């Protein structure tokens, strides 16, 4: 009888052991809810000979090294490119206007990836080429959408992206050089609003669909200084903000990782739940 019981216990142990191993091989389901599909919106202008740069900056140049079929039986293409850090859709690293702050390679990824909100001032900015986004614009947005959450990435839609890459309409001039700086006209963020943001809200970064966070006629670039002094990166020449809702989307804004860079080309996208 003891022998039979021993055999039974042994068989039970083997069965339980096999069941345990089987369970260990099965995938662990952390959340059974299937995530919603998300739309990807590319907020980046393509880099080419049409790319809009600051009137004193080196423009984009692509040199073709090779493009065609080789004598070894395969196709091969390669290019060299040369450009300024600040042009097209790009990032302003804090060191751009603030000594000792983050260079492009030092910006924490947490400042570049997160929940986004959009402040749409296009109704006013398309009527006034020198429009300044104001504190009231932020308060109006909050009256409709709730207070700007900590850790938000703020995107400012002036509507001027629709003029890109027409330099005369987008920049206010198609001339280049030091004298052309005086001819620049496009909307930006007022220094008062920039100060309000850093003193009253805890944002990670900010972007705009114009060539600069300061408006075209700015002489002292105060909004740059205010934001970048707080290590808040700035995205400029952002595209297609009209395709975003006012909130409830994510932003991923990854620049070229340039050591000691003051900025660099940026690939920025938004993810929207359908």
Protein backbone atom coordinates (compact mmCIF):
# COMPACT_ATOMS: atom_id res chain seq x y z
CA UNK A 1 0.00 0.00 0.00
CA UNK A 2 2.85 2.40 0.88
CA UNK A 3 4.49 1.64 -2.46
CA UNK A 4 1.27 2.45 -4.31
CA UNK A 5 0.85 5.72 -2.40
CA UNK A 6 4.45 6.61 -3.13
CA UNK A 7 3.89 6.04 -6.85
CA UNK A 8 0.74 8.18 -6.75
CA UNK A 9 2.59 11.04 -4.99
CA UNK A 10 5.42 10.77 -7.49
CA UNK A 11 3.02 10.93 -10.43
CA UNK A 12 1.22 13.93 -8.88
CA UNK A 13 4.54 15.70 -8.40
CA UNK A 14 5.52 15.08 -12.01
CA UNK A 15 2.14 16.37 -13.24
CA UNK A 16 2.33 19.51 -11.07
CA UNK A 17 5.93 20.10 -12.15
CA UNK A 18 5.00 19.84 -15.81
CA UNK A 19 2.04 22.17 -15.31
CA UNK A 20 4.29 24.71 -13.59
CA UNK A 21 6.84 24.61 -16.40
CA UNK A 22 4.03 25.01 -18.95
CA UNK A 23 2.72 28.06 -17.13
CA UNK A 24 6.19 29.56 -16.95
CA UNK A 25 6.48 29.32 -20.72
CA UNK A 26 3.18 31.09 -21.32
CA UNK A 27 3.37 34.85 -21.89
CA UNK A 28 2.55 36.97 -18.87
CA UNK A 29 -0.36 39.30 -19.53
CA UNK A 30 0.11 42.52 -17.59
CA UNK A 31 -2.89 44.33 -19.07
CA UNK A 32 -5.53 42.42 -20.99
CA UNK A 33 -6.99 45.62 -22.42
CA UNK A 34 -5.88 46.10 -26.02
CA UNK A 35 -4.37 49.60 -26.42
CA UNK A 36 -6.12 51.96 -28.80
CA UNK A 37 -4.56 52.52 -32.20
CA UNK A 38 -2.71 55.82 -32.41
CA UNK A 39 -2.22 58.17 -35.31
CA UNK A 40 1.26 59.49 -35.93
CA UNK A 41 1.48 63.12 -37.05
CA UNK A 42 4.83 64.24 -38.45
CA UNK A 43 5.46 67.83 -37.27
CA UNK A 44 8.73 68.17 -39.20
CA UNK A 45 9.49 70.10 -42.38
CA UNK A 46 11.65 68.16 -44.84
CA UNK A 47 15.28 69.28 -45.15
CA UNK A 48 16.20 70.31 -48.70
CA UNK A 49 17.43 73.29 -50.69
CA UNK A 50 14.06 74.91 -49.87
CA UNK A 51 14.56 74.71 -46.11
CA UNK A 52 14.12 78.05 -44.34
CA UNK A 53 17.11 79.23 -42.30
CA UNK A 54 17.86 82.34 -40.32
CA UNK A 55 18.94 85.02 -42.77
CA UNK A 56 22.54 84.96 -41.52
CA UNK A 57 22.87 81.13 -41.18
CA UNK A 58 24.36 78.63 -43.60
CA UNK A 59 21.62 76.97 -45.62
CA UNK A 60 21.19 73.27 -46.24
CA UNK A 61 23.44 71.74 -48.89
CA UNK A 62 23.29 68.13 -50.05
CA UNK A 63 26.21 66.75 -52.07
CA UNK A 64 25.60 63.48 -53.88
CA UNK A 65 28.53 61.09 -53.38
CA UNK A 66 27.02 58.16 -55.26
CA UNK A 67 23.66 57.16 -56.68
CA UNK A 68 23.23 54.30 -59.12
CA UNK A 69 23.95 50.71 -59.99
CA UNK A 70 27.44 49.44 -59.26
CA UNK A 71 29.55 47.04 -61.29
CA UNK A 72 29.10 44.54 -58.45
CA UNK A 73 25.41 44.13 -59.18
CA UNK A 74 23.77 46.24 -56.46
CA UNK A 75 22.40 49.77 -56.19
CA UNK A 76 24.26 52.22 -53.93
CA UNK A 77 23.43 55.76 -52.75
CA UNK A 78 25.29 58.05 -50.32
CA UNK A 79 25.39 61.80 -49.68
CA UNK A 80 27.20 64.43 -47.67
CA UNK A 81 25.25 67.29 -46.17
CA UNK A 82 26.25 70.59 -44.60
CA UNK A 83 24.06 72.97 -42.67
CA UNK A 84 23.75 75.33 -39.71
CA UNK A 85 22.37 74.01 -36.41
CA UNK A 86 19.47 76.47 -36.48
CA UNK A 87 17.28 76.06 -39.53
CA UNK A 88 14.29 74.10 -40.72
CA UNK A 89 12.53 72.22 -37.93
CA UNK A 90 15.15 72.35 -35.20
CA UNK A 91 15.81 72.59 -31.48
CA UNK A 92 17.32 75.47 -29.54
CA UNK A 93 19.34 73.93 -26.72
CA UNK A 94 19.43 76.00 -23.51
CA UNK A 95 23.10 76.89 -24.03
CA UNK A 96 22.04 78.76 -27.19
CA UNK A 97 21.16 81.79 -25.03
CA UNK A 98 22.23 80.81 -21.51
CA UNK A 99 25.80 80.14 -20.41
CA UNK A 100 26.35 76.86 -18.59
CA UNK A 101 22.95 75.36 -19.43
CA UNK A 102 22.30 72.15 -21.37
CA UNK A 103 23.91 71.66 -24.76
CA UNK A 104 22.02 69.57 -27.32
CA UNK A 105 23.57 66.30 -26.17
CA UNK A 106 22.87 67.05 -22.50
CA UNK A 107 19.12 67.70 -22.72
CA UNK A 108 17.30 65.05 -20.63
CA UNK A 109 14.98 62.92 -22.76
CA UNK A 110 12.20 63.65 -20.25
CA UNK A 111 12.14 67.19 -21.65
CA UNK A 112 11.67 65.91 -25.19
CA UNK A 113 9.04 63.19 -24.73
CA UNK A 114 5.73 63.69 -22.96
CA UNK A 115 2.16 64.95 -22.92
CA UNK A 116 1.53 67.77 -25.35
CA UNK A 117 -0.88 70.67 -25.49
CA UNK A 118 -1.55 73.12 -28.32
CA UNK A 119 -2.31 76.80 -27.89
CA UNK A 120 -3.99 78.00 -31.10
CA UNK A 121 -3.63 81.75 -31.60
CA UNK A 122 -3.92 81.63 -35.40
CA UNK A 123 -7.14 83.68 -35.47
CA UNK A 124 -5.15 86.67 -34.19
CA UNK A 125 -1.68 85.86 -35.52
CA UNK A 126 -2.79 85.53 -39.14
CA UNK A 127 -4.16 89.07 -38.92
CA UNK A 128 -1.05 90.51 -37.27
CA UNK A 129 2.32 89.38 -38.62
CA UNK A 130 4.02 90.71 -35.46
CA UNK A 131 1.58 89.07 -33.06
CA UNK A 132 2.88 88.21 -29.59
CA UNK A 133 1.39 85.22 -27.77
CA UNK A 134 0.20 86.66 -24.46
CA UNK A 135 -0.51 85.54 -20.91
CA UNK A 136 -4.20 85.97 -21.74
CA UNK A 137 -3.85 83.42 -24.55
CA UNK A 138 -2.69 80.84 -21.99
CA UNK A 139 -5.44 81.78 -19.54
CA UNK A 140 -8.07 81.53 -22.29
CA UNK A 141 -6.80 78.05 -23.15
CA UNK A 142 -6.95 77.01 -19.49
CA UNK A 143 -10.52 78.33 -19.15
CA UNK A 144 -11.56 75.84 -21.82
CA UNK A 145 -9.19 72.93 -21.15
CA UNK A 146 -8.10 73.12 -17.51
CA UNK A 147 -4.78 74.17 -16.05
CA UNK A 148 -1.64 73.27 -17.99
CA UNK A 149 -0.38 70.06 -16.38
CA UNK A 150 3.09 69.75 -14.90
CA UNK A 151 5.50 68.23 -17.40
CA UNK A 152 3.59 69.41 -20.46
CA UNK A 153 5.20 70.12 -23.82
CA UNK A 154 3.57 73.32 -25.11
CA UNK A 155 3.13 73.90 -28.85
CA UNK A 156 2.11 77.33 -30.15
CA UNK A 157 0.10 77.43 -33.37
CA UNK A 158 0.22 80.83 -35.11
CA UNK A 159 -0.88 79.45 -38.47
CA UNK A 160 2.21 80.81 -40.23
CA UNK A 161 3.43 77.31 -41.03
CA UNK A 162 1.13 77.41 -44.06
CA UNK A 163 3.51 79.92 -45.69
CA UNK A 164 6.54 77.62 -45.41
CA UNK A 165 8.86 77.53 -47.41
CA UNK A 166 7.94 80.85 -49.07
CA UNK A 167 10.59 83.01 -47.36
CA UNK A 168 8.94 86.32 -48.22
CA UNK A 169 5.67 85.31 -46.55
CA UNK A 170 7.16 83.14 -43.80
CA UNK A 171 10.13 85.29 -42.74
CA UNK A 172 8.95 88.64 -44.01
CA UNK A 173 11.87 88.86 -46.43
CA UNK A 174 13.68 86.75 -49.00
CA UNK A 175 16.88 88.73 -48.61
CA UNK A 176 19.89 87.41 -46.71
CA UNK A 177 22.65 88.88 -44.57
CA UNK A 178 22.91 91.16 -41.56
CA UNK A 179 20.71 93.87 -43.06
CA UNK A 180 17.92 91.37 -43.70
CA UNK A 181 17.50 90.86 -39.93
CA UNK A 182 15.75 94.25 -39.76
CA UNK A 183 13.19 93.04 -42.30
CA UNK A 184 12.01 89.97 -40.38
CA UNK A 185 8.30 89.83 -39.52
CA UNK A 186 6.56 86.83 -37.93
CA UNK A 187 4.72 86.10 -34.63
CA UNK A 188 6.38 84.94 -31.43
CA UNK A 189 5.95 84.51 -27.68
CA UNK A 190 5.91 87.68 -25.58
CA UNK A 191 8.55 87.92 -22.82
CA UNK A 192 5.73 88.50 -20.33
CA UNK A 193 4.09 85.22 -21.32
CA UNK A 194 7.44 83.39 -21.19
CA UNK A 195 7.99 84.75 -17.67
CA UNK A 196 4.48 83.72 -16.64
CA UNK A 197 5.10 80.18 -17.88
CA UNK A 198 8.36 79.66 -15.98
CA UNK A 199 7.02 81.26 -12.79
CA UNK A 200 3.55 79.72 -12.71
CA UNK A 201 3.64 76.48 -14.70
CA UNK A 202 6.09 73.58 -14.83
CA UNK A 203 6.57 72.79 -18.52
CA UNK A 204 9.24 70.58 -20.07
CA UNK A 205 9.69 72.32 -23.43
CA UNK A 206 7.94 74.61 -25.89
CA UNK A 207 7.61 74.84 -29.67
CA UNK A 208 6.25 77.22 -32.28
CA UNK A 209 5.43 77.13 -36.01
CA UNK A 210 7.56 80.19 -36.84
CA UNK A 211 11.34 80.70 -37.30
CA UNK A 212 11.86 81.83 -33.70
CA UNK A 213 10.20 81.79 -30.28
CA UNK A 214 10.84 85.56 -30.27
CA UNK A 215 8.91 87.51 -32.88
CA UNK A 216 10.68 88.73 -36.02
CA UNK A 217 11.31 92.28 -34.85
CA UNK A 218 12.83 91.19 -31.53
CA UNK A 219 16.14 92.86 -30.78
CA UNK A 220 17.10 91.31 -27.44
CA UNK A 221 15.54 87.81 -27.77
CA UNK A 222 14.11 88.06 -24.27
CA UNK A 223 11.79 85.03 -24.57
CA UNK A 224 14.76 82.89 -25.60
CA UNK A 225 16.75 84.08 -22.59
CA UNK A 226 13.87 83.56 -20.14
CA UNK A 227 13.06 80.02 -21.27
CA UNK A 228 16.55 78.72 -21.99
CA UNK A 229 17.88 80.07 -18.68
CA UNK A 230 15.48 77.60 -17.06
CA UNK A 231 16.82 74.74 -19.21
CA UNK A 232 13.56 74.66 -21.19
CA UNK A 233 14.37 73.62 -24.79
CA UNK A 234 12.65 75.40 -27.67
CA UNK A 235 11.43 73.86 -30.94
CA UNK A 236 11.19 76.18 -33.95
CA UNK A 237 9.74 75.86 -37.45
CA UNK A 238 7.37 73.16 -36.24
CA UNK A 239 4.96 71.96 -38.95
CA UNK A 240 1.31 70.85 -39.27
CA UNK A 241 0.08 71.92 -35.84
CA UNK A 242 -3.36 72.37 -37.39
CA UNK A 243 -3.66 68.56 -37.39
CA UNK A 244 -3.43 68.35 -33.60
CA UNK A 245 -6.18 68.65 -30.98
CA UNK A 246 -5.75 71.14 -28.16
CA UNK A 247 -4.67 68.38 -25.75
CA UNK A 248 -4.57 64.61 -25.17
CA UNK A 249 -1.64 63.78 -27.41
CA UNK A 250 1.99 62.85 -26.88
CA UNK A 251 5.06 64.53 -28.32
CA UNK A 252 8.36 62.92 -29.26
CA UNK A 253 10.99 65.49 -30.26
CA UNK A 254 14.43 63.98 -30.85
CA UNK A 255 17.25 66.18 -32.17
CA UNK A 256 20.54 65.14 -33.69
CA UNK A 257 22.76 64.46 -30.66
CA UNK A 258 25.54 67.00 -31.26
CA UNK A 259 28.20 67.22 -28.56
CA UNK A 260 28.34 70.78 -27.19
CA UNK A 261 25.68 71.73 -29.73
CA UNK A 262 23.60 74.88 -29.35
CA UNK A 263 20.86 73.26 -31.39
CA UNK A 264 20.34 70.88 -34.26
CA UNK A 265 17.93 69.35 -36.77
CA UNK A 266 14.85 67.94 -35.06
CA UNK A 267 12.47 65.12 -35.92
CA UNK A 268 9.32 65.85 -33.99
CA UNK A 269 6.12 63.81 -34.10
CA UNK A 270 2.84 63.65 -32.20
CA UNK A 271 0.88 60.53 -31.22
CA UNK A 272 -2.90 60.88 -31.05
CA UNK A 273 -5.33 58.26 -29.76
CA UNK A 274 -8.02 57.48 -32.32
